[in-house]
Amino acid sequence: MKEVIAIIRPEKLDETRNAVDALATLETFGQRVLGRGSQAGLHYVQATAHGRRVGISYLSKQMITWMVPGEHINDVVAAIMRINQTGNFGDGKTFVCPVEITP
């Protein structure tokens, strides 16, 4: 059993979820996340006590997690990449982690 975590553009959520859920996934979990990478993003500014303004650029992304049997990992990762890969910054990241199930 493996856990597949994909951080993708929000507009690709439904297409990605439908394609991967059609494969052999057992559980799905999704949530909205904020982060930053090579893309410019929303700039959250906070005033400080010394009159300076500081901030960090964040982008809205969607994080989806699936529990996938080991023999279907390649199919799931291929589907995620096929839908989300544009060749531009902000395509997202995909992580595959081992899962140990205990009784």
Protein backbone atom coordinates (compact mmCIF):
# COMPACT_ATOMS: atom_id res chain seq x y z
CA MET A 1 0.00 0.00 0.00
CA LYS A 2 1.24 3.49 -0.89
CA GLU A 3 0.05 7.00 -0.14
CA VAL A 4 0.08 9.34 -3.15
CA ILE A 5 0.00 13.06 -2.37
CA ALA A 6 -0.53 15.54 -5.21
CA ILE A 7 -0.37 19.32 -4.84
CA ILE A 8 -2.04 20.75 -7.94
CA ARG A 9 -3.67 23.84 -9.43
CA PRO A 10 -7.23 24.29 -8.07
CA GLU A 11 -8.74 24.38 -11.58
CA LYS A 12 -7.41 20.85 -12.24
CA LEU A 13 -9.01 19.34 -9.11
CA ASP A 14 -12.14 17.76 -10.59
CA GLU A 15 -10.41 16.36 -13.67
CA THR A 16 -7.58 14.90 -11.58
CA ARG A 17 -9.87 13.44 -8.93
CA ASN A 18 -12.15 11.82 -11.55
CA ALA A 19 -9.24 10.26 -13.47
CA VAL A 20 -7.49 8.87 -10.40
CA ASP A 21 -10.65 7.69 -8.64
CA ALA A 22 -11.51 5.64 -11.76
CA LEU A 23 -8.33 3.63 -11.03
CA ALA A 24 -7.82 1.34 -8.04
CA THR A 25 -7.73 3.85 -5.18
CA LEU A 26 -9.10 3.00 -1.76
CA GLU A 27 -9.42 6.34 0.03
CA THR A 28 -9.32 9.97 -1.10
CA PHE A 29 -8.79 13.12 0.94
CA GLY A 30 -8.51 16.69 -0.35
CA GLN A 31 -7.91 20.12 1.13
CA ARG A 32 -7.05 23.67 0.09
CA VAL A 33 -3.47 24.63 0.86
CA LEU A 34 -1.28 27.73 0.47
CA GLY A 35 2.34 27.64 -0.50
CA ARG A 36 5.03 29.21 -2.58
CA GLY A 37 7.56 27.99 -5.07
CA SER A 38 8.91 29.39 -8.33
CA GLN A 39 5.59 31.10 -9.16
CA ALA A 40 4.66 34.60 -8.06
CA GLY A 41 1.55 34.54 -5.91
CA LEU A 42 -0.83 36.47 -3.72
CA HIS A 43 1.05 38.85 -1.46
CA TYR A 44 -0.05 38.89 2.17
CA VAL A 45 1.27 42.02 3.88
CA GLN A 46 1.50 42.54 7.62
CA ALA A 47 2.39 45.84 9.28
CA THR A 48 5.07 45.72 11.97
CA ALA A 49 5.52 47.83 15.10
CA HIS A 50 8.37 49.76 13.46
CA GLY A 51 6.22 51.03 10.59
CA ARG A 52 7.68 48.55 8.08
CA ARG A 53 5.54 46.23 6.04
CA VAL A 54 6.57 42.65 5.46
CA GLY A 55 4.90 39.87 3.54
CA ILE A 56 5.17 36.53 1.79
CA SER A 57 3.76 35.51 -1.56
CA TYR A 58 1.39 32.53 -1.33
CA LEU A 59 -0.50 30.65 -4.00
CA SER A 60 -3.72 28.75 -3.53
CA LYS A 61 -3.30 25.05 -4.43
CA GLN A 62 -5.23 21.87 -3.84
CA MET A 63 -3.68 18.91 -2.03
CA ILE A 64 -5.20 15.48 -2.65
CA THR A 65 -4.15 12.26 -0.94
CA TRP A 66 -4.98 8.76 -2.14
CA MET A 67 -4.33 5.33 -0.65
CA VAL A 68 -3.30 3.11 -3.56
CA PRO A 69 -2.38 -0.59 -3.78
CA GLY A 70 1.29 -0.93 -4.76
CA GLU A 71 0.61 -2.52 -8.14
CA HIS A 72 -1.40 0.54 -9.30
CA ILE A 73 1.08 3.27 -8.31
CA ASN A 74 2.49 3.79 -11.82
CA ASP A 75 -1.01 4.19 -13.32
CA VAL A 76 -2.07 6.70 -10.66
CA VAL A 77 1.09 8.83 -10.94
CA ALA A 78 0.87 8.74 -14.76
CA ALA A 79 -2.75 9.98 -14.64
CA ILE A 80 -1.84 12.82 -12.26
CA MET A 81 1.05 13.90 -14.46
CA ARG A 82 -0.91 13.62 -17.71
CA ILE A 83 -3.63 15.95 -16.43
CA ASN A 84 -1.50 18.48 -14.54
CA GLN A 85 1.75 18.78 -16.50
CA THR A 86 1.88 21.92 -18.67
CA GLY A 87 5.63 22.52 -18.61
CA ASN A 88 5.18 25.82 -16.74
CA PHE A 89 5.93 26.81 -13.16
CA GLY A 90 3.08 25.89 -10.82
CA ASP A 91 2.23 22.47 -12.23
CA GLY A 92 2.52 21.07 -8.72
CA LYS A 93 4.28 18.18 -7.05
CA THR A 94 3.50 14.51 -6.54
CA PHE A 95 4.83 12.43 -3.64
CA VAL A 96 4.62 8.66 -3.13
CA CYS A 97 5.07 7.41 0.43
CA PRO A 98 5.05 3.86 1.84
CA VAL A 99 2.21 3.05 4.22
CA GLU A 100 2.30 0.40 6.92
CA ILE A 101 -1.12 -0.79 8.04
CA THR A 102 -1.30 -2.05 11.59
CA PRO A 103 -4.25 -3.84 13.16
